PDB file of N, CA and C in Angstrom:
ATOM      1  N   MET A   1     -19.923  18.686  42.579  1.00  0.00           N
ATOM      2  CA  MET A   1     -21.275  19.027  42.970  1.00  0.00           C
ATOM      3  C   MET A   1     -21.335  19.040  44.484  1.00  0.00           C
ATOM      4  N   SER A   2     -21.957  20.067  45.088  1.00  0.00           N
ATOM      5  CA  SER A   2     -21.999  20.161  46.542  1.00  0.00           C
ATOM      6  C   SER A   2     -22.940  19.131  47.130  1.00  0.00           C
ATOM      7  N   ALA A   3     -22.641  18.747  48.354  1.00  0.00           N
ATOM      8  CA  ALA A   3     -23.455  17.739  49.025  1.00  0.00           C
ATOM      9  C   ALA A   3     -24.832  18.287  49.375  1.00  0.00           C
ATOM     10  N   SER A   4     -24.967  19.624  49.460  1.00  0.00           N
ATOM     11  CA  SER A   4     -26.248  20.206  49.844  1.00  0.00           C
ATOM     12  C   SER A   4     -27.287  20.102  48.730  1.00  0.00           C
ATOM     13  N   LYS A   5     -26.856  19.939  47.502  1.00  0.00           N
ATOM     14  CA  LYS A   5     -27.793  19.819  46.382  1.00  0.00           C
ATOM     15  C   LYS A   5     -27.704  18.408  45.815  1.00  0.00           C
ATOM     16  N   GLU A   6     -28.787  17.645  45.991  1.00  0.00           N
ATOM     17  CA  GLU A   6     -28.798  16.288  45.464  1.00  0.00           C
ATOM     18  C   GLU A   6     -29.029  16.344  43.956  1.00  0.00           C
ATOM     19  N   LEU A   7     -28.297  15.518  43.250  1.00  0.00           N
ATOM     20  CA  LEU A   7     -28.453  15.433  41.804  1.00  0.00           C
ATOM     21  C   LEU A   7     -29.819  14.892  41.441  1.00  0.00           C
ATOM     22  N   SER A   8     -30.335  15.327  40.312  1.00  0.00           N
ATOM     23  CA  SER A   8     -31.530  14.691  39.771  1.00  0.00           C
ATOM     24  C   SER A   8     -31.083  13.423  39.054  1.00  0.00           C
ATOM     25  N   PHE A   9     -32.032  12.561  38.749  1.00  0.00           N
ATOM     26  CA  PHE A   9     -31.723  11.341  38.010  1.00  0.00           C
ATOM     27  C   PHE A   9     -31.063  11.700  36.682  1.00  0.00           C
ATOM     28  N   GLU A  10     -31.617  12.695  35.990  1.00  0.00           N
ATOM     29  CA  GLU A  10     -31.103  13.080  34.678  1.00  0.00           C
ATOM     30  C   GLU A  10     -29.681  13.620  34.758  1.00  0.00           C
ATOM     31  N   GLU A  11     -29.399  14.420  35.794  1.00  0.00           N
ATOM     32  CA  GLU A  11     -28.044  14.950  35.973  1.00  0.00           C
ATOM     33  C   GLU A  11     -27.050  13.821  36.254  1.00  0.00           C
ATOM     34  N   ALA A  12     -27.465  12.889  37.103  1.00  0.00           N
ATOM     35  CA  ALA A  12     -26.589  11.766  37.443  1.00  0.00           C
ATOM     36  C   ALA A  12     -26.324  10.898  36.222  1.00  0.00           C
ATOM     37  N   LEU A  13     -27.358  10.637  35.440  1.00  0.00           N
ATOM     38  CA  LEU A  13     -27.197   9.815  34.241  1.00  0.00           C
ATOM     39  C   LEU A  13     -26.292  10.509  33.226  1.00  0.00           C
ATOM     40  N   SER A  14     -26.460  11.807  33.070  1.00  0.00           N
ATOM     41  CA  SER A  14     -25.612  12.565  32.149  1.00  0.00           C
ATOM     42  C   SER A  14     -24.144  12.508  32.588  1.00  0.00           C
ATOM     43  N   ARG A  15     -23.908  12.682  33.882  1.00  0.00           N
ATOM     44  CA  ARG A  15     -22.534  12.611  34.401  1.00  0.00           C
ATOM     45  C   ARG A  15     -21.968  11.211  34.225  1.00  0.00           C
ATOM     46  N   LEU A  16     -22.797  10.193  34.427  1.00  0.00           N
ATOM     47  CA  LEU A  16     -22.360   8.811  34.241  1.00  0.00           C
ATOM     48  C   LEU A  16     -21.946   8.574  32.789  1.00  0.00           C
ATOM     49  N   GLU A  17     -22.697   9.136  31.850  1.00  0.00           N
ATOM     50  CA  GLU A  17     -22.333   9.011  30.432  1.00  0.00           C
ATOM     51  C   GLU A  17     -20.996   9.693  30.147  1.00  0.00           C
ATOM     52  N   GLU A  18     -20.764  10.855  30.780  1.00  0.00           N
ATOM     53  CA  GLU A  18     -19.480  11.550  30.621  1.00  0.00           C
ATOM     54  C   GLU A  18     -18.335  10.686  31.141  1.00  0.00           C
ATOM     55  N   ILE A  19     -18.567  10.051  32.273  1.00  0.00           N
ATOM     56  CA  ILE A  19     -17.532   9.202  32.875  1.00  0.00           C
ATOM     57  C   ILE A  19     -17.195   8.036  31.961  1.00  0.00           C
ATOM     58  N   VAL A  20     -18.208   7.410  31.385  1.00  0.00           N
ATOM     59  CA  VAL A  20     -17.964   6.293  30.459  1.00  0.00           C
ATOM     60  C   VAL A  20     -17.103   6.763  29.296  1.00  0.00           C
ATOM     61  N   THR A  21     -17.424   7.926  28.754  1.00  0.00           N
ATOM     62  CA  THR A  21     -16.643   8.471  27.641  1.00  0.00           C
ATOM     63  C   THR A  21     -15.195   8.713  28.065  1.00  0.00           C
ATOM     64  N   GLN A  22     -15.003   9.272  29.257  1.00  0.00           N
ATOM     65  CA  GLN A  22     -13.650   9.532  29.749  1.00  0.00           C
ATOM     66  C   GLN A  22     -12.875   8.236  29.968  1.00  0.00           C
ATOM     67  N   LEU A  23     -13.552   7.221  30.503  1.00  0.00           N
ATOM     68  CA  LEU A  23     -12.872   5.948  30.757  1.00  0.00           C
ATOM     69  C   LEU A  23     -12.494   5.238  29.461  1.00  0.00           C
ATOM     70  N   GLU A  24     -13.237   5.492  28.413  1.00  0.00           N
ATOM     71  CA  GLU A  24     -12.904   4.897  27.115  1.00  0.00           C
ATOM     72  C   GLU A  24     -11.662   5.536  26.507  1.00  0.00           C
ATOM     73  N   ASP A  25     -11.275   6.709  27.020  1.00  0.00           N
ATOM     74  CA  ASP A  25     -10.078   7.410  26.559  1.00  0.00           C
ATOM     75  C   ASP A  25      -8.867   6.822  27.274  1.00  0.00           C
ATOM     76  N   SER A  26      -8.075   6.070  26.565  1.00  0.00           N
ATOM     77  CA  SER A  26      -6.932   5.384  27.178  1.00  0.00           C
ATOM     78  C   SER A  26      -5.827   6.341  27.618  1.00  0.00           C
ATOM     79  N   ALA A  27      -5.940   7.627  27.309  1.00  0.00           N
ATOM     80  CA  ALA A  27      -4.902   8.585  27.671  1.00  0.00           C
ATOM     81  C   ALA A  27      -4.992   9.023  29.135  1.00  0.00           C
ATOM     82  N   LEU A  28      -6.048   8.639  29.839  1.00  0.00           N
ATOM     83  CA  LEU A  28      -6.178   9.028  31.243  1.00  0.00           C
ATOM     84  C   LEU A  28      -5.169   8.283  32.106  1.00  0.00           C
ATOM     85  N   PRO A  29      -4.572   8.972  33.072  1.00  0.00           N
ATOM     86  CA  PRO A  29      -3.691   8.282  34.016  1.00  0.00           C
ATOM     87  C   PRO A  29      -4.511   7.303  34.870  1.00  0.00           C
ATOM     88  N   LEU A  30      -3.863   6.268  35.346  1.00  0.00           N
ATOM     89  CA  LEU A  30      -4.536   5.231  36.123  1.00  0.00           C
ATOM     90  C   LEU A  30      -5.243   5.805  37.353  1.00  0.00           C
ATOM     91  N   ASP A  31      -4.573   6.679  38.090  1.00  0.00           N
ATOM     92  CA  ASP A  31      -5.177   7.256  39.297  1.00  0.00           C
ATOM     93  C   ASP A  31      -6.474   8.001  38.974  1.00  0.00           C
ATOM     94  N   ARG A  32      -6.453   8.778  37.900  1.00  0.00           N
ATOM     95  CA  ARG A  32      -7.662   9.524  37.496  1.00  0.00           C
ATOM     96  C   ARG A  32      -8.746   8.557  37.035  1.00  0.00           C
ATOM     97  N   SER A  33      -8.366   7.515  36.318  1.00  0.00           N
ATOM     98  CA  SER A  33      -9.339   6.510  35.869  1.00  0.00           C
ATOM     99  C   SER A  33     -10.030   5.860  37.059  1.00  0.00           C
ATOM    100  N   LEU A  34      -9.261   5.501  38.077  1.00  0.00           N
ATOM    101  CA  LEU A  34      -9.843   4.889  39.275  1.00  0.00           C
ATOM    102  C   LEU A  34     -10.765   5.859  40.008  1.00  0.00           C
ATOM    103  N   GLN A  35     -10.366   7.109  40.057  1.00  0.00           N
ATOM    104  CA  GLN A  35     -11.160   8.126  40.738  1.00  0.00           C
ATOM    105  C   GLN A  35     -12.524   8.290  40.059  1.00  0.00           C
ATOM    106  N   ILE A  36     -12.535   8.431  38.748  1.00  0.00           N
ATOM    107  CA  ILE A  36     -13.823   8.628  38.080  1.00  0.00           C
ATOM    108  C   ILE A  36     -14.614   7.322  37.981  1.00  0.00           C
ATOM    109  N   PHE A  37     -13.912   6.181  37.983  1.00  0.00           N
ATOM    110  CA  PHE A  37     -14.622   4.897  38.026  1.00  0.00           C
ATOM    111  C   PHE A  37     -15.425   4.791  39.321  1.00  0.00           C
ATOM    112  N   GLU A  38     -14.807   5.156  40.447  1.00  0.00           N
ATOM    113  CA  GLU A  38     -15.499   5.126  41.737  1.00  0.00           C
ATOM    114  C   GLU A  38     -16.697   6.071  41.739  1.00  0.00           C
ATOM    115  N   GLU A  39     -16.529   7.248  41.146  1.00  0.00           N
ATOM    116  CA  GLU A  39     -17.647   8.185  41.031  1.00  0.00           C
ATOM    117  C   GLU A  39     -18.760   7.558  40.191  1.00  0.00           C
ATOM    118  N   GLY A  40     -18.383   6.893  39.121  1.00  0.00           N
ATOM    119  CA  GLY A  40     -19.364   6.236  38.261  1.00  0.00           C
ATOM    120  C   GLY A  40     -20.148   5.155  38.983  1.00  0.00           C
ATOM    121  N   VAL A  41     -19.470   4.391  39.820  1.00  0.00           N
ATOM    122  CA  VAL A  41     -20.151   3.345  40.600  1.00  0.00           C
ATOM    123  C   VAL A  41     -21.172   3.984  41.537  1.00  0.00           C
ATOM    124  N   ARG A  42     -20.784   5.068  42.200  1.00  0.00           N
ATOM    125  CA  ARG A  42     -21.728   5.766  43.093  1.00  0.00           C
ATOM    126  C   ARG A  42     -22.926   6.292  42.306  1.00  0.00           C
ATOM    127  N   LEU A  43     -22.671   6.862  41.138  1.00  0.00           N
ATOM    128  CA  LEU A  43     -23.760   7.389  40.316  1.00  0.00           C
ATOM    129  C   LEU A  43     -24.670   6.276  39.803  1.00  0.00           C
ATOM    130  N   ALA A  44     -24.091   5.153  39.425  1.00  0.00           N
ATOM    131  CA  ALA A  44     -24.896   4.023  38.948  1.00  0.00           C
ATOM    132  C   ALA A  44     -25.808   3.522  40.065  1.00  0.00           C
ATOM    133  N   ARG A  45     -25.293   3.440  41.275  1.00  0.00           N
ATOM    134  CA  ARG A  45     -26.116   3.019  42.427  1.00  0.00           C
ATOM    135  C   ARG A  45     -27.225   4.026  42.688  1.00  0.00           C
ATOM    136  N   PHE A  46     -26.894   5.312  42.607  1.00  0.00           N
ATOM    137  CA  PHE A  46     -27.879   6.372  42.804  1.00  0.00           C
ATOM    138  C   PHE A  46     -28.996   6.252  41.769  1.00  0.00           C
ATOM    139  N   CYS A  47     -28.622   6.083  40.501  1.00  0.00           N
ATOM    140  CA  CYS A  47     -29.620   5.961  39.430  1.00  0.00           C
ATOM    141  C   CYS A  47     -30.490   4.724  39.628  1.00  0.00           C
ATOM    142  N   THR A  48     -29.887   3.626  40.020  1.00  0.00           N
ATOM    143  CA  THR A  48     -30.649   2.398  40.276  1.00  0.00           C
ATOM    144  C   THR A  48     -31.656   2.624  41.393  1.00  0.00           C
ATOM    145  N   ARG A  49     -31.223   3.277  42.463  1.00  0.00           N
ATOM    146  CA  ARG A  49     -32.118   3.559  43.589  1.00  0.00           C
ATOM    147  C   ARG A  49     -33.280   4.456  43.152  1.00  0.00           C
ATOM    148  N   LYS A  50     -32.995   5.475  42.355  1.00  0.00           N
ATOM    149  CA  LYS A  50     -34.045   6.376  41.868  1.00  0.00           C
ATOM    150  C   LYS A  50     -35.043   5.625  40.988  1.00  0.00           C
ATOM    151  N   LEU A  51     -34.550   4.742  40.121  1.00  0.00           N
ATOM    152  CA  LEU A  51     -35.444   3.958  39.270  1.00  0.00           C
ATOM    153  C   LEU A  51     -36.315   3.026  40.103  1.00  0.00           C
ATOM    154  N   GLU A  52     -35.748   2.407  41.120  1.00  0.00           N
ATOM    155  CA  GLU A  52     -36.523   1.521  41.995  1.00  0.00           C
ATOM    156  C   GLU A  52     -37.597   2.300  42.747  1.00  0.00           C
ATOM    157  N   GLU A  53     -37.267   3.514  43.191  1.00  0.00           N
ATOM    158  CA  GLU A  53     -38.255   4.358  43.873  1.00  0.00           C
ATOM    159  C   GLU A  53     -39.395   4.721  42.930  1.00  0.00           C
ATOM    160  N   ALA A  54     -39.060   5.083  41.701  1.00  0.00           N
ATOM    161  CA  ALA A  54     -40.090   5.441  40.723  1.00  0.00           C
ATOM    162  C   ALA A  54     -40.965   4.237  40.403  1.00  0.00           C
ATOM    163  N   GLU A  55     -40.356   3.085  40.231  1.00  0.00           N
ATOM    164  CA  GLU A  55     -41.101   1.866  39.911  1.00  0.00           C
ATOM    165  C   GLU A  55     -42.095   1.528  41.014  1.00  0.00           C
ATOM    166  N   SER A  56     -41.709   1.752  42.258  1.00  0.00           N
ATOM    167  CA  SER A  56     -42.597   1.420  43.372  1.00  0.00           C
ATOM    168  C   SER A  56     -43.803   2.346  43.442  1.00  0.00           C
ATOM    169  N   LYS A  57     -43.745   3.502  42.788  1.00  0.00           N
ATOM    170  CA  LYS A  57     -44.850   4.457  42.808  1.00  0.00           C
ATOM    171  C   LYS A  57     -45.838   4.257  41.660  1.00  0.00           C
ATOM    172  N   ILE A  58     -45.455   3.481  40.670  1.00  0.00           N
ATOM    173  CA  ILE A  58     -46.303   3.311  39.491  1.00  0.00           C
ATOM    174  C   ILE A  58     -47.400   2.303  39.788  1.00  0.00           C
ATOM    175  N   GLU A  59     -48.611   2.637  39.388  1.00  0.00           N
ATOM    176  CA  GLU A  59     -49.736   1.719  39.536  1.00  0.00           C
ATOM    177  C   GLU A  59     -50.396   1.503  38.179  1.00  0.00           C
ATOM    178  N   MET A  60     -50.991   0.332  38.020  1.00  0.00           N
ATOM    179  CA  MET A  60     -51.756   0.029  36.812  1.00  0.00           C
ATOM    180  C   MET A  60     -53.232   0.129  37.170  1.00  0.00           C
ATOM    181  N   LEU A  61     -54.030   0.632  36.244  1.00  0.00           N
ATOM    182  CA  LEU A  61     -55.469   0.636  36.423  1.00  0.00           C
ATOM    183  C   LEU A  61     -56.031  -0.553  35.667  1.00  0.00           C
ATOM    184  N   ILE A  62     -56.717  -1.425  36.381  1.00  0.00           N
ATOM    185  CA  ILE A  62     -57.282  -2.640  35.813  1.00  0.00           C
ATOM    186  C   ILE A  62     -58.791  -2.458  35.722  1.00  0.00           C
ATOM    187  N   THR A  63     -59.363  -2.645  34.534  1.00  0.00           N
ATOM    188  CA  THR A  63     -60.809  -2.586  34.362  1.00  0.00           C
ATOM    189  C   THR A  63     -61.359  -4.004  34.386  1.00  0.00           C
ATOM    190  N   HIS A  64     -62.290  -4.241  35.300  1.00  0.00           N
ATOM    191  CA  HIS A  64     -62.915  -5.557  35.446  1.00  0.00           C
ATOM    192  C   HIS A  64     -64.105  -5.680  34.490  1.00  0.00           C
ATOM    193  N   PRO A  65     -64.534  -6.903  34.186  1.00  0.00           N
ATOM    194  CA  PRO A  65     -65.672  -7.110  33.278  1.00  0.00           C
ATOM    195  C   PRO A  65     -66.940  -6.368  33.711  1.00  0.00           C
ATOM    196  N   ASP A  66     -67.119  -6.160  35.010  1.00  0.00           N
ATOM    197  CA  ASP A  66     -68.323  -5.456  35.477  1.00  0.00           C
ATOM    198  C   ASP A  66     -68.195  -3.941  35.368  1.00  0.00           C
ATOM    199  N   GLY A  67     -67.053  -3.458  34.840  1.00  0.00           N
ATOM    200  CA  GLY A  67     -66.856  -2.032  34.619  1.00  0.00           C
ATOM    201  C   GLY A  67     -66.145  -1.311  35.748  1.00  0.00           C
ATOM    202  N   THR A  68     -65.919  -1.978  36.857  1.00  0.00           N
ATOM    203  CA  THR A  68     -65.207  -1.335  37.959  1.00  0.00           C
ATOM    204  C   THR A  68     -63.716  -1.248  37.635  1.00  0.00           C
ATOM    205  N   VAL A  69     -63.094  -0.237  38.179  1.00  0.00           N
ATOM    206  CA  VAL A  69     -61.665  -0.007  37.949  1.00  0.00           C
ATOM    207  C   VAL A  69     -60.935  -0.175  39.276  1.00  0.00           C
ATOM    208  N   GLU A  70     -59.810  -0.853  39.217  1.00  0.00           N
ATOM    209  CA  GLU A  70     -59.016  -1.114  40.417  1.00  0.00           C
ATOM    210  C   GLU A  70     -57.559  -0.743  40.144  1.00  0.00           C
ATOM    211  N   ALA A  71     -56.933  -0.086  41.102  1.00  0.00           N
ATOM    212  CA  ALA A  71     -55.507   0.237  40.996  1.00  0.00           C
ATOM    213  C   ALA A  71     -54.709  -0.897  41.615  1.00  0.00           C
ATOM    214  N   GLN A  72     -53.712  -1.385  40.877  1.00  0.00           N
ATOM    215  CA  GLN A  72     -52.818  -2.429  41.375  1.00  0.00           C
ATOM    216  C   GLN A  72     -51.384  -1.955  41.185  1.00  0.00           C
ATOM    217  N   PRO A  73     -50.486  -2.364  42.083  1.00  0.00           N
ATOM    218  CA  PRO A  73     -49.077  -1.993  41.907  1.00  0.00           C
ATOM    219  C   PRO A  73     -48.557  -2.514  40.572  1.00  0.00           C
ATOM    220  N   PHE A  74     -47.740  -1.707  39.930  1.00  0.00           N
ATOM    221  CA  PHE A  74     -47.108  -2.115  38.680  1.00  0.00           C
ATOM    222  C   PHE A  74     -46.000  -3.097  39.004  1.00  0.00           C
ATOM    223  N   ALA A  75     -45.935  -4.176  38.258  1.00  0.00           N
ATOM    224  CA  ALA A  75     -44.878  -5.168  38.456  1.00  0.00           C
ATOM    225  C   ALA A  75     -44.224  -5.465  37.120  1.00  0.00           C
ATOM    226  N   VAL A  76     -42.914  -5.405  37.093  1.00  0.00           N
ATOM    227  CA  VAL A  76     -42.149  -5.702  35.893  1.00  0.00           C
ATOM    228  C   VAL A  76     -42.231  -7.196  35.627  1.00  0.00           C
ATOM    229  N   GLU A  77     -42.477  -7.572  34.362  1.00  0.00           N
ATOM    230  CA  GLU A  77     -42.554  -8.991  34.003  1.00  0.00           C
ATOM    231  C   GLU A  77     -41.297  -9.718  34.442  1.00  0.00           C
ATOM    232  N   GLY A  78     -41.494 -10.895  35.032  1.00  0.00           N
ATOM    233  CA  GLY A  78     -40.366 -11.692  35.481  1.00  0.00           C
ATOM    234  C   GLY A  78     -39.917 -11.372  36.894  1.00  0.00           C
ATOM    235  N   SER A  79     -40.463 -10.295  37.483  1.00  0.00           N
ATOM    236  CA  SER A  79     -40.084  -9.964  38.852  1.00  0.00           C
ATOM    237  C   SER A  79     -40.956 -10.741  39.828  1.00  0.00           C
ATOM    238  N   GLU A  80     -40.534 -10.771  41.083  1.00  0.00           N
ATOM    239  CA  GLU A  80     -41.315 -11.458  42.111  1.00  0.00           C
ATOM    240  C   GLU A  80     -42.691 -10.824  42.259  1.00  0.00           C
ATOM    241  N   GLU A  81     -42.770  -9.484  42.139  1.00  0.00           N
ATOM    242  CA  GLU A  81     -44.046  -8.801  42.269  1.00  0.00           C
ATOM    243  C   GLU A  81     -45.004  -9.222  41.170  1.00  0.00           C
ATOM    244  N   ALA A  82     -44.502  -9.397  39.951  1.00  0.00           N
ATOM    245  CA  ALA A  82     -45.345  -9.808  38.833  1.00  0.00           C
ATOM    246  C   ALA A  82     -45.896 -11.197  39.081  1.00  0.00           C
ATOM    247  N   GLU A  83     -45.088 -12.085  39.626  1.00  0.00           N
ATOM    248  CA  GLU A  83     -45.542 -13.442  39.905  1.00  0.00           C
ATOM    249  C   GLU A  83     -46.619 -13.440  40.976  1.00  0.00           C
ATOM    250  N   GLU A  84     -46.503 -12.545  41.985  1.00  0.00           N
ATOM    251  CA  GLU A  84     -47.504 -12.465  43.042  1.00  0.00           C
ATOM    252  C   GLU A  84     -48.828 -11.942  42.511  1.00  0.00           C
ATOM    253  N   VAL A  85     -48.799 -10.950  41.599  1.00  0.00           N
ATOM    254  CA  VAL A  85     -50.011 -10.380  41.023  1.00  0.00           C
ATOM    255  C   VAL A  85     -50.710 -11.405  40.157  1.00  0.00           C
ATOM    256  N   ASP A  86     -49.954 -12.217  39.417  1.00  0.00           N
ATOM    257  CA  ASP A  86     -50.531 -13.206  38.515  1.00  0.00           C
ATOM    258  C   ASP A  86     -51.200 -14.353  39.252  1.00  0.00           C
ATOM    259  N   THR A  87     -50.777 -14.637  40.468  1.00  0.00           N
ATOM    260  CA  THR A  87     -51.318 -15.796  41.187  1.00  0.00           C
ATOM    261  C   THR A  87     -52.539 -15.458  41.989  1.00  0.00           C
TER     262      THR A  87
END
């Protein structure tokens, strides 16, 4: 894939799945296994970064007893952000 076109999350995840399948094939030479393993690590980091970016954009709408609605950042349960929202 050329450097000028950034992969989408879906493309990266699909390629990562292909890499896992290839690595499960014991017939690959060691050098090729290491090469695609390194690519897989880069793709996994890319996917993680994309998920973190998406998570930071999500907001929850909270309806208060008086009927007003407030937008609050979405926080995954167990994360530091969730603990801050709860307190």
